[in-house]
Amino acid sequence: MMDRRSIWTALSLMFSSPSNRLWEVMRNYESAELLYQDIRNGQCAFVNEREAARMQAFSDNQVYAVQKLCDQRGIMILTYEDELYPQRLRQIYCPPAVLYCRGDVTSLSTARSVAVIGARQASEYSLRVAYSYAGVLAKNGVTIISGLANGIDAQAHRAAVEAGGITCGVIGCGHEFDYPRGSAQLKASICRTGCVISEYMPNTRPEPENFKVRNRLIAALSDIVLVVQAGERSGTLNTVGHALEQGKEVLVIPPHDILCDDYTGQSRLIEDGAVPVYSPAQIIERL
C-alpha cells in the first residue's frame, strides 16, 4: 500500500504534471487516495480513453524509481498536502502537485519576499542594480526569489547569498541537469540557507516551454515582483503577467536608456501603471 506522498507522486506522473488536468479530475474526489484507487481499478469516469490507457499502463515502480533517485541525490519530495508546502502556491491556478526541493524548504514561507527578475543578457548597469537591491533587501530580512537564469536572476541570488540572507531559486528543469551550465556552485550556496525547487521530475530536460510555466511560481512565492531589465519580448514580461493575474504588485527599475530596445519592456510597464523605484528602501516600505 502506497503512502500519501507516493500517491501524490504517482498522480503527478500519471497526469504529466505540471498540468491543470490533474486538478480538473481532482474536483470530483474528496482525496488523492480515492482518485488513485479509482484509476488503478479502472473506475475513474473523469478521464478520457487515451488517459485511461496511459494510466493503466502506469507502474508503481515508476514512483519508487523517482523516490530512490531523490533519496540518492538529497532531493526532498514535497506534496500539495504536506505541512511545509507553501501556502502561497496553494492559492494559484494549477499549483504543483509535487515539488522537488533541495535546501531549507521553510524559506519558501518566510514573511516577506521579493522576486528580482530580468534579462539574461543584461547590461552592466542592470547587473549592478540587481546586486545592490537584492543585497540590501536580503540584509533586511527579505527573501529573494528568482529563476536561477544567467544575468539578473543569478546576480540577485548571488547578492543575497553574499549578504548573508535567504534566497530561493525556481528552476525550469529537473535537478539532475546542470542548467544553466556551471550553476552548481551557486545552487549549493543558495541551499545553505534557502532552497532550489522544481515542479519537474529530477531527470526532466530544460525545455524552453518549461520556463514560462515555472514563472507563475516565481510570482506566487513573492509579495512584490521587481523588474530590473526587460526588452520588448523579454521572458521577464511573462512573469509579470502571472504576477498581475495573482494580484501581486509589480515594481520597475527605471530604464537606463529610453532609446535602447533592451529597456522597452520597462518603459511600457511604467506607462501601464507599474511603479518605478529608485531605492531598496522604497521596496521595504511597501512590504
C-alpha atoms as a PDB file:
ATOM      1  CA  MET A   1       0.000   0.000   0.000  1.00  0.00           C
ATOM      2  CA  MET A   2       1.485   3.341  -1.029  1.00  0.00           C
ATOM      3  CA  ASP A   3       1.629   6.211   1.427  1.00  0.00           C
ATOM      4  CA  ARG A   4       0.126   9.623   0.713  1.00  0.00           C
ATOM      5  CA  ARG A   5       3.372  11.121  -0.583  1.00  0.00           C
ATOM      6  CA  SER A   6       3.806   8.234  -3.014  1.00  0.00           C
ATOM      7  CA  ILE A   7       0.214   8.600  -4.198  1.00  0.00           C
ATOM      8  CA  TRP A   8       0.685  12.312  -4.975  1.00  0.00           C
ATOM      9  CA  THR A   9       3.907  11.482  -6.799  1.00  0.00           C
ATOM     10  CA  ALA A  10       2.113   8.791  -8.786  1.00  0.00           C
ATOM     11  CA  LEU A  11      -0.695  11.178  -9.755  1.00  0.00           C
ATOM     12  CA  SER A  12       1.780  13.850 -10.860  1.00  0.00           C
ATOM     13  CA  LEU A  13       3.458  11.250 -13.097  1.00  0.00           C
ATOM     14  CA  MET A  14       0.184   9.902 -14.470  1.00  0.00           C
ATOM     15  CA  PHE A  15      -1.119  13.352 -15.399  1.00  0.00           C
ATOM     16  CA  SER A  16       2.266  14.596 -16.642  1.00  0.00           C
ATOM     17  CA  SER A  17       2.415  17.356 -14.071  1.00  0.00           C
ATOM     18  CA  PRO A  18       2.627  20.322 -14.302  1.00  0.00           C
ATOM     19  CA  SER A  19      -0.831  20.242 -15.821  1.00  0.00           C
ATOM     20  CA  ASN A  20      -4.190  21.519 -14.676  1.00  0.00           C
ATOM     21  CA  ARG A  21      -5.736  18.271 -15.867  1.00  0.00           C
ATOM     22  CA  LEU A  22      -4.992  16.645 -12.513  1.00  0.00           C
ATOM     23  CA  TRP A  23      -6.896  19.380 -10.676  1.00  0.00           C
ATOM     24  CA  GLU A  24      -9.833  19.158 -13.085  1.00  0.00           C
ATOM     25  CA  VAL A  25     -10.224  15.483 -12.218  1.00  0.00           C
ATOM     26  CA  MET A  26      -9.476  16.013  -8.511  1.00  0.00           C
ATOM     27  CA  ARG A  27     -12.540  18.272  -8.206  1.00  0.00           C
ATOM     28  CA  ASN A  28     -14.627  15.105  -8.334  1.00  0.00           C
ATOM     29  CA  TYR A  29     -12.860  13.431  -5.408  1.00  0.00           C
ATOM     30  CA  GLU A  30     -12.548  14.050  -1.699  1.00  0.00           C
ATOM     31  CA  SER A  31      -8.949  12.866  -1.578  1.00  0.00           C
ATOM     32  CA  ALA A  32      -5.961  11.927  -3.700  1.00  0.00           C
ATOM     33  CA  GLU A  33      -6.197   8.406  -2.304  1.00  0.00           C
ATOM     34  CA  LEU A  34      -9.718   7.894  -3.685  1.00  0.00           C
ATOM     35  CA  LEU A  35      -8.701   9.206  -7.104  1.00  0.00           C
ATOM     36  CA  TYR A  36      -5.653   6.957  -7.191  1.00  0.00           C
ATOM     37  CA  GLN A  37      -7.725   3.951  -6.162  1.00  0.00           C
ATOM     38  CA  ASP A  38     -10.287   4.539  -8.921  1.00  0.00           C
ATOM     39  CA  ILE A  39      -7.566   4.981 -11.519  1.00  0.00           C
ATOM     40  CA  ARG A  40      -5.801   1.765 -10.523  1.00  0.00           C
ATOM     41  CA  ASN A  41      -9.113  -0.112 -10.579  1.00  0.00           C
ATOM     42  CA  GLY A  42     -10.055   1.328 -13.974  1.00  0.00           C
ATOM     43  CA  GLN A  43     -13.090   3.037 -12.477  1.00  0.00           C
ATOM     44  CA  CYS A  44     -12.303   6.721 -12.947  1.00  0.00           C
ATOM     45  CA  ALA A  45     -15.119   8.149 -15.068  1.00  0.00           C
ATOM     46  CA  PHE A  46     -13.478  11.551 -15.435  1.00  0.00           C
ATOM     47  CA  VAL A  47     -10.575  10.682 -17.735  1.00  0.00           C
ATOM     48  CA  ASN A  48     -10.752  10.075 -21.476  1.00  0.00           C
ATOM     49  CA  GLU A  49      -9.840   6.813 -23.195  1.00  0.00           C
ATOM     50  CA  ARG A  50      -6.298   7.867 -24.017  1.00  0.00           C
ATOM     51  CA  GLU A  51      -5.655   8.994 -20.454  1.00  0.00           C
ATOM     52  CA  ALA A  52      -7.162   5.804 -19.069  1.00  0.00           C
ATOM     53  CA  ALA A  53      -4.976   3.633 -21.295  1.00  0.00           C
ATOM     54  CA  ARG A  54      -1.834   5.515 -20.255  1.00  0.00           C
ATOM     55  CA  MET A  55      -2.753   5.244 -16.581  1.00  0.00           C
ATOM     56  CA  GLN A  56      -3.480   1.531 -16.810  1.00  0.00           C
ATOM     57  CA  ALA A  57      -0.002   1.047 -18.234  1.00  0.00           C
ATOM     58  CA  PHE A  58       1.485   3.014 -15.344  1.00  0.00           C
ATOM     59  CA  SER A  59       3.587   1.040 -12.885  1.00  0.00           C
ATOM     60  CA  ASP A  60       4.117   1.899  -9.242  1.00  0.00           C
ATOM     61  CA  ASN A  61       7.750   1.038  -9.865  1.00  0.00           C
ATOM     62  CA  GLN A  62       7.997   4.389 -11.661  1.00  0.00           C
ATOM     63  CA  VAL A  63       7.205   6.109  -8.366  1.00  0.00           C
ATOM     64  CA  TYR A  64       9.717   4.047  -6.452  1.00  0.00           C
ATOM     65  CA  ALA A  65      12.390   4.817  -9.059  1.00  0.00           C
ATOM     66  CA  VAL A  66      11.806   8.555  -8.647  1.00  0.00           C
ATOM     67  CA  GLN A  67      11.864   8.270  -4.856  1.00  0.00           C
ATOM     68  CA  LYS A  68      15.068   6.231  -4.918  1.00  0.00           C
ATOM     69  CA  LEU A  69      16.771   8.780  -7.162  1.00  0.00           C
ATOM     70  CA  CYS A  70      15.657  11.634  -4.906  1.00  0.00           C
ATOM     71  CA  ASP A  71      16.959   9.821  -1.831  1.00  0.00           C
ATOM     72  CA  GLN A  72      20.314   9.283  -3.520  1.00  0.00           C
ATOM     73  CA  ARG A  73      20.588  12.911  -4.636  1.00  0.00           C
ATOM     74  CA  GLY A  74      19.348  14.565  -1.456  1.00  0.00           C
ATOM     75  CA  ILE A  75      16.146  15.854  -3.057  1.00  0.00           C
ATOM     76  CA  MET A  76      13.085  16.265  -0.855  1.00  0.00           C
ATOM     77  CA  ILE A  77       9.687  15.420  -2.340  1.00  0.00           C
ATOM     78  CA  LEU A  78       7.135  17.923  -1.060  1.00  0.00           C
ATOM     79  CA  THR A  79       3.486  17.250  -1.934  1.00  0.00           C
ATOM     80  CA  TYR A  80       0.459  19.519  -2.035  1.00  0.00           C
ATOM     81  CA  GLU A  81      -0.829  18.139   1.277  1.00  0.00           C
ATOM     82  CA  ASP A  82       2.450  18.360   3.197  1.00  0.00           C
ATOM     83  CA  GLU A  83       2.584  20.802   6.088  1.00  0.00           C
ATOM     84  CA  LEU A  84       5.666  22.537   4.664  1.00  0.00           C
ATOM     85  CA  TYR A  85       4.088  23.090   1.258  1.00  0.00           C
ATOM     86  CA  PRO A  86       3.967  26.890   0.781  1.00  0.00           C
ATOM     87  CA  GLN A  87       0.523  28.375   1.270  1.00  0.00           C
ATOM     88  CA  ARG A  88       1.286  30.948  -1.441  1.00  0.00           C
ATOM     89  CA  LEU A  89       1.354  28.157  -4.023  1.00  0.00           C
ATOM     90  CA  ARG A  90      -1.923  26.618  -2.848  1.00  0.00           C
ATOM     91  CA  GLN A  91      -3.656  29.855  -3.856  1.00  0.00           C
ATOM     92  CA  ILE A  92      -2.687  29.903  -7.541  1.00  0.00           C
ATOM     93  CA  TYR A  93      -4.036  28.360 -10.711  1.00  0.00           C
ATOM     94  CA  CYS A  94      -2.572  24.889 -11.242  1.00  0.00           C
ATOM     95  CA  PRO A  95      -0.413  24.577  -8.126  1.00  0.00           C
ATOM     96  CA  PRO A  96       2.320  21.939  -8.328  1.00  0.00           C
ATOM     97  CA  ALA A  97       1.093  18.593  -7.055  1.00  0.00           C
ATOM     98  CA  VAL A  98       4.683  17.798  -6.155  1.00  0.00           C
ATOM     99  CA  LEU A  99       7.753  19.947  -5.590  1.00  0.00           C
ATOM    100  CA  TYR A 100      11.271  18.547  -5.779  1.00  0.00           C
ATOM    101  CA  CYS A 101      13.379  20.531  -3.333  1.00  0.00           C
ATOM    102  CA  ARG A 102      16.939  20.971  -2.194  1.00  0.00           C
ATOM    103  CA  GLY A 103      17.806  23.067   0.846  1.00  0.00           C
ATOM    104  CA  ASP A 104      15.604  24.542   3.554  1.00  0.00           C
ATOM    105  CA  VAL A 105      12.010  24.470   2.314  1.00  0.00           C
ATOM    106  CA  THR A 106      10.807  26.613   5.225  1.00  0.00           C
ATOM    107  CA  SER A 107      12.409  29.541   3.368  1.00  0.00           C
ATOM    108  CA  LEU A 108       9.547  29.294   0.852  1.00  0.00           C
ATOM    109  CA  SER A 109       7.160  30.551   3.514  1.00  0.00           C
ATOM    110  CA  THR A 110       9.030  33.499   5.004  1.00  0.00           C
ATOM    111  CA  ALA A 111       7.090  36.615   5.963  1.00  0.00           C
ATOM    112  CA  ARG A 112       8.488  38.942   3.264  1.00  0.00           C
ATOM    113  CA  SER A 113       9.751  38.058  -0.197  1.00  0.00           C
ATOM    114  CA  VAL A 114      10.586  39.874  -3.414  1.00  0.00           C
ATOM    115  CA  ALA A 115      11.132  38.398  -6.854  1.00  0.00           C
ATOM    116  CA  VAL A 116      14.070  40.071  -8.587  1.00  0.00           C
ATOM    117  CA  ILE A 117      13.863  39.299 -12.299  1.00  0.00           C
ATOM    118  CA  GLY A 118      15.251  40.498 -15.597  1.00  0.00           C
ATOM    119  CA  ALA A 119      17.133  39.800 -18.784  1.00  0.00           C
ATOM    120  CA  ARG A 120      19.682  37.047 -19.255  1.00  0.00           C
ATOM    121  CA  GLN A 121      21.813  39.320 -21.451  1.00  0.00           C
ATOM    122  CA  ALA A 122      21.742  42.202 -19.002  1.00  0.00           C
ATOM    123  CA  SER A 123      23.723  45.430 -19.138  1.00  0.00           C
ATOM    124  CA  GLU A 124      26.454  46.156 -16.605  1.00  0.00           C
ATOM    125  CA  TYR A 125      24.226  48.877 -15.163  1.00  0.00           C
ATOM    126  CA  SER A 126      21.331  46.470 -14.623  1.00  0.00           C
ATOM    127  CA  LEU A 127      23.597  43.840 -13.091  1.00  0.00           C
ATOM    128  CA  ARG A 128      24.894  46.413 -10.613  1.00  0.00           C
ATOM    129  CA  VAL A 129      21.360  47.458  -9.732  1.00  0.00           C
ATOM    130  CA  ALA A 130      20.229  43.853  -9.248  1.00  0.00           C
ATOM    131  CA  TYR A 131      23.178  43.108  -6.992  1.00  0.00           C
ATOM    132  CA  SER A 132      22.748  46.268  -4.953  1.00  0.00           C
ATOM    133  CA  TYR A 133      18.993  45.990  -4.445  1.00  0.00           C
ATOM    134  CA  ALA A 134      18.956  42.241  -3.746  1.00  0.00           C
ATOM    135  CA  GLY A 135      21.804  42.595  -1.267  1.00  0.00           C
ATOM    136  CA  VAL A 136      20.133  45.392   0.686  1.00  0.00           C
ATOM    137  CA  LEU A 137      16.794  43.588   0.717  1.00  0.00           C
ATOM    138  CA  ALA A 138      18.411  40.345   1.900  1.00  0.00           C
ATOM    139  CA  LYS A 139      20.262  42.159   4.697  1.00  0.00           C
ATOM    140  CA  ASN A 140      16.880  43.494   5.842  1.00  0.00           C
ATOM    141  CA  GLY A 141      15.343  40.040   6.145  1.00  0.00           C
ATOM    142  CA  VAL A 142      13.617  39.899   2.759  1.00  0.00           C
ATOM    143  CA  THR A 143      13.799  36.579   0.917  1.00  0.00           C
ATOM    144  CA  ILE A 144      14.914  36.953  -2.694  1.00  0.00           C
ATOM    145  CA  ILE A 145      13.039  34.810  -5.227  1.00  0.00           C
ATOM    146  CA  SER A 146      14.282  34.308  -8.776  1.00  0.00           C
ATOM    147  CA  GLY A 147      14.683  31.779 -11.561  1.00  0.00           C
ATOM    148  CA  LEU A 148      18.415  30.988 -11.470  1.00  0.00           C
ATOM    149  CA  ALA A 149      18.860  32.053 -15.094  1.00  0.00           C
ATOM    150  CA  ASN A 150      22.029  33.783 -16.197  1.00  0.00           C
ATOM    151  CA  GLY A 151      22.077  37.567 -15.913  1.00  0.00           C
ATOM    152  CA  ILE A 152      19.762  39.341 -13.478  1.00  0.00           C
ATOM    153  CA  ASP A 153      18.483  36.177 -11.771  1.00  0.00           C
ATOM    154  CA  ALA A 154      21.912  34.813 -10.926  1.00  0.00           C
ATOM    155  CA  GLN A 155      23.114  38.242  -9.833  1.00  0.00           C
ATOM    156  CA  ALA A 156      20.200  38.613  -7.415  1.00  0.00           C
ATOM    157  CA  HIS A 157      20.751  35.148  -5.934  1.00  0.00           C
ATOM    158  CA  ARG A 158      24.476  35.801  -5.577  1.00  0.00           C
ATOM    159  CA  ALA A 159      23.921  39.134  -3.840  1.00  0.00           C
ATOM    160  CA  ALA A 160      21.517  37.601  -1.323  1.00  0.00           C
ATOM    161  CA  VAL A 161      23.945  34.791  -0.514  1.00  0.00           C
ATOM    162  CA  GLU A 162      26.885  37.168  -0.095  1.00  0.00           C
ATOM    163  CA  ALA A 163      24.762  39.425   2.098  1.00  0.00           C
ATOM    164  CA  GLY A 164      24.112  36.502   4.424  1.00  0.00           C
ATOM    165  CA  GLY A 165      20.416  36.459   3.534  1.00  0.00           C
ATOM    166  CA  ILE A 166      17.961  33.938   2.155  1.00  0.00           C
ATOM    167  CA  THR A 167      17.190  33.316  -1.485  1.00  0.00           C
ATOM    168  CA  CYS A 168      15.123  30.683  -3.302  1.00  0.00           C
ATOM    169  CA  GLY A 169      15.563  29.572  -6.901  1.00  0.00           C
ATOM    170  CA  VAL A 170      12.794  28.117  -9.057  1.00  0.00           C
ATOM    171  CA  ILE A 171      14.200  26.088 -11.938  1.00  0.00           C
ATOM    172  CA  GLY A 172      12.503  25.013 -15.159  1.00  0.00           C
ATOM    173  CA  CYS A 173      14.055  21.553 -15.382  1.00  0.00           C
ATOM    174  CA  GLY A 174      14.951  18.623 -13.161  1.00  0.00           C
ATOM    175  CA  HIS A 175      17.645  18.817 -10.505  1.00  0.00           C
ATOM    176  CA  GLU A 176      19.761  16.311 -12.423  1.00  0.00           C
ATOM    177  CA  PHE A 177      20.688  18.904 -15.045  1.00  0.00           C
ATOM    178  CA  ASP A 178      23.456  21.452 -14.619  1.00  0.00           C
ATOM    179  CA  TYR A 179      21.375  24.262 -16.024  1.00  0.00           C
ATOM    180  CA  PRO A 180      22.313  26.954 -16.558  1.00  0.00           C
ATOM    181  CA  ARG A 181      25.653  25.318 -17.219  1.00  0.00           C
ATOM    182  CA  GLY A 182      28.076  25.986 -14.394  1.00  0.00           C
ATOM    183  CA  SER A 183      25.415  26.956 -11.837  1.00  0.00           C
ATOM    184  CA  ALA A 184      26.036  24.053  -9.443  1.00  0.00           C
ATOM    185  CA  GLN A 185      28.168  26.089  -7.046  1.00  0.00           C
ATOM    186  CA  LEU A 186      25.614  28.912  -6.876  1.00  0.00           C
ATOM    187  CA  LYS A 187      22.818  26.405  -6.249  1.00  0.00           C
ATOM    188  CA  ALA A 188      24.802  24.825  -3.422  1.00  0.00           C
ATOM    189  CA  SER A 189      25.359  28.258  -1.875  1.00  0.00           C
ATOM    190  CA  ILE A 190      21.656  29.062  -2.118  1.00  0.00           C
ATOM    191  CA  CYS A 191      20.720  25.813  -0.379  1.00  0.00           C
ATOM    192  CA  ARG A 192      22.746  26.582   2.741  1.00  0.00           C
ATOM    193  CA  THR A 193      20.033  28.932   3.986  1.00  0.00           C
ATOM    194  CA  GLY A 194      17.408  28.915   1.217  1.00  0.00           C
ATOM    195  CA  CYS A 195      16.359  26.358  -1.352  1.00  0.00           C
ATOM    196  CA  VAL A 196      16.149  25.417  -5.015  1.00  0.00           C
ATOM    197  CA  ILE A 197      12.857  23.916  -6.165  1.00  0.00           C
ATOM    198  CA  SER A 198      11.346  22.431  -9.296  1.00  0.00           C
ATOM    199  CA  GLU A 199       7.958  21.015 -10.166  1.00  0.00           C
ATOM    200  CA  TYR A 200       9.675  18.801 -12.733  1.00  0.00           C
ATOM    201  CA  MET A 201      10.981  15.303 -12.095  1.00  0.00           C
ATOM    202  CA  PRO A 202      14.749  15.167 -11.494  1.00  0.00           C
ATOM    203  CA  ASN A 203      15.517  13.868 -14.995  1.00  0.00           C
ATOM    204  CA  THR A 204      13.388  16.435 -16.887  1.00  0.00           C
ATOM    205  CA  ARG A 205      15.373  18.274 -19.555  1.00  0.00           C
ATOM    206  CA  PRO A 206      15.411  22.116 -19.662  1.00  0.00           C
ATOM    207  CA  GLU A 207      12.921  22.580 -22.495  1.00  0.00           C
ATOM    208  CA  PRO A 208      12.105  26.213 -23.429  1.00  0.00           C
ATOM    209  CA  GLU A 209       8.391  25.918 -22.648  1.00  0.00           C
ATOM    210  CA  ASN A 210       9.158  24.779 -19.086  1.00  0.00           C
ATOM    211  CA  PHE A 211      10.472  28.177 -18.101  1.00  0.00           C
ATOM    212  CA  LYS A 212       7.297  30.077 -18.956  1.00  0.00           C
ATOM    213  CA  VAL A 213       5.340  27.519 -16.951  1.00  0.00           C
ATOM    214  CA  ARG A 214       7.586  27.871 -13.893  1.00  0.00           C
ATOM    215  CA  ASN A 215       7.314  31.683 -13.973  1.00  0.00           C
ATOM    216  CA  ARG A 216       3.930  31.513 -12.257  1.00  0.00           C
ATOM    217  CA  LEU A 217       5.704  30.007  -9.232  1.00  0.00           C
ATOM    218  CA  ILE A 218       8.273  32.812  -9.062  1.00  0.00           C
ATOM    219  CA  ALA A 219       5.432  35.328  -8.966  1.00  0.00           C
ATOM    220  CA  ALA A 220       3.396  33.298  -6.486  1.00  0.00           C
ATOM    221  CA  LEU A 221       6.207  32.938  -3.961  1.00  0.00           C
ATOM    222  CA  SER A 222       6.742  36.712  -3.881  1.00  0.00           C
ATOM    223  CA  ASP A 223       4.933  39.601  -2.256  1.00  0.00           C
ATOM    224  CA  ILE A 224       6.384  42.032  -4.810  1.00  0.00           C
ATOM    225  CA  VAL A 225       7.936  41.489  -8.241  1.00  0.00           C
ATOM    226  CA  LEU A 226      10.824  43.791  -9.140  1.00  0.00           C
ATOM    227  CA  VAL A 227      11.700  44.104 -12.841  1.00  0.00           C
ATOM    228  CA  VAL A 228      15.326  45.163 -13.273  1.00  0.00           C
ATOM    229  CA  GLN A 229      15.673  44.937 -17.063  1.00  0.00           C
ATOM    230  CA  ALA A 230      13.244  43.836 -19.761  1.00  0.00           C
ATOM    231  CA  GLY A 231      13.212  44.233 -23.514  1.00  0.00           C
ATOM    232  CA  GLU A 232      10.088  44.292 -25.651  1.00  0.00           C
ATOM    233  CA  ARG A 233       9.791  40.489 -25.869  1.00  0.00           C
ATOM    234  CA  SER A 234      11.594  39.574 -22.689  1.00  0.00           C
ATOM    235  CA  GLY A 235      10.530  36.407 -20.872  1.00  0.00           C
ATOM    236  CA  THR A 236      10.511  38.613 -17.794  1.00  0.00           C
ATOM    237  CA  LEU A 237       7.203  40.046 -19.004  1.00  0.00           C
ATOM    238  CA  ASN A 238       5.706  36.562 -18.804  1.00  0.00           C
ATOM    239  CA  THR A 239       6.441  36.528 -15.080  1.00  0.00           C
ATOM    240  CA  VAL A 240       4.921  40.000 -14.811  1.00  0.00           C
ATOM    241  CA  GLY A 241       1.744  38.698 -16.461  1.00  0.00           C
ATOM    242  CA  HIS A 242       1.476  35.935 -13.866  1.00  0.00           C
ATOM    243  CA  ALA A 243       2.115  38.437 -11.077  1.00  0.00           C
ATOM    244  CA  LEU A 244      -0.684  40.721 -12.258  1.00  0.00           C
ATOM    245  CA  GLU A 245      -3.089  37.781 -12.578  1.00  0.00           C
ATOM    246  CA  GLN A 246      -2.248  36.834  -8.998  1.00  0.00           C
ATOM    247  CA  GLY A 247      -2.776  40.371  -7.725  1.00  0.00           C
ATOM    248  CA  LYS A 248       0.886  40.987  -6.922  1.00  0.00           C
ATOM    249  CA  GLU A 249       2.467  44.427  -7.033  1.00  0.00           C
ATOM    250  CA  VAL A 250       4.962  44.989  -9.847  1.00  0.00           C
ATOM    251  CA  LEU A 251       7.773  47.496  -9.354  1.00  0.00           C
ATOM    252  CA  VAL A 252      10.181  48.566 -12.081  1.00  0.00           C
ATOM    253  CA  ILE A 253      13.713  49.916 -12.153  1.00  0.00           C
ATOM    254  CA  PRO A 254      13.527  52.982 -14.473  1.00  0.00           C
ATOM    255  CA  PRO A 255      15.100  52.276 -17.868  1.00  0.00           C
ATOM    256  CA  HIS A 256      18.765  53.172 -18.165  1.00  0.00           C
ATOM    257  CA  ASP A 257      18.333  54.320 -21.765  1.00  0.00           C
ATOM    258  CA  ILE A 258      14.836  55.102 -23.086  1.00  0.00           C
ATOM    259  CA  LEU A 259      16.111  54.900 -26.676  1.00  0.00           C
ATOM    260  CA  CYS A 260      17.513  51.381 -26.270  1.00  0.00           C
ATOM    261  CA  ASP A 261      15.339  48.368 -27.112  1.00  0.00           C
ATOM    262  CA  ASP A 262      16.852  46.472 -24.172  1.00  0.00           C
ATOM    263  CA  TYR A 263      14.672  48.563 -21.826  1.00  0.00           C
ATOM    264  CA  THR A 264      11.460  48.807 -23.858  1.00  0.00           C
ATOM    265  CA  GLY A 265       9.629  46.373 -21.582  1.00  0.00           C
ATOM    266  CA  GLN A 266      10.333  48.506 -18.529  1.00  0.00           C
ATOM    267  CA  SER A 267       9.170  51.681 -20.221  1.00  0.00           C
ATOM    268  CA  ARG A 268       5.881  50.085 -21.243  1.00  0.00           C
ATOM    269  CA  LEU A 269       5.278  48.689 -17.778  1.00  0.00           C
ATOM    270  CA  ILE A 270       5.685  52.150 -16.300  1.00  0.00           C
ATOM    271  CA  GLU A 271       3.393  53.590 -18.973  1.00  0.00           C
ATOM    272  CA  ASP A 272       0.809  50.966 -17.971  1.00  0.00           C
ATOM    273  CA  GLY A 273       0.938  51.965 -14.319  1.00  0.00           C
ATOM    274  CA  ALA A 274       3.769  49.966 -12.756  1.00  0.00           C
ATOM    275  CA  VAL A 275       5.579  51.909 -10.048  1.00  0.00           C
ATOM    276  CA  PRO A 276       9.198  52.961 -10.720  1.00  0.00           C
ATOM    277  CA  VAL A 277      11.538  52.551  -7.743  1.00  0.00           C
ATOM    278  CA  TYR A 278      14.708  54.423  -7.011  1.00  0.00           C
ATOM    279  CA  SER A 279      15.961  52.717  -3.861  1.00  0.00           C
ATOM    280  CA  PRO A 280      15.597  49.443  -1.941  1.00  0.00           C
ATOM    281  CA  ALA A 281      14.117  51.473   0.911  1.00  0.00           C
ATOM    282  CA  GLN A 282      11.029  52.120  -1.228  1.00  0.00           C
ATOM    283  CA  ILE A 283      10.508  48.390  -1.620  1.00  0.00           C
ATOM    284  CA  ILE A 284      10.982  47.686   2.086  1.00  0.00           C
ATOM    285  CA  GLU A 285       8.459  50.412   2.902  1.00  0.00           C
ATOM    286  CA  ARG A 286       5.879  48.898   0.528  1.00  0.00           C
ATOM    287  CA  LEU A 287       6.385  45.467   2.101  1.00  0.00           C
END
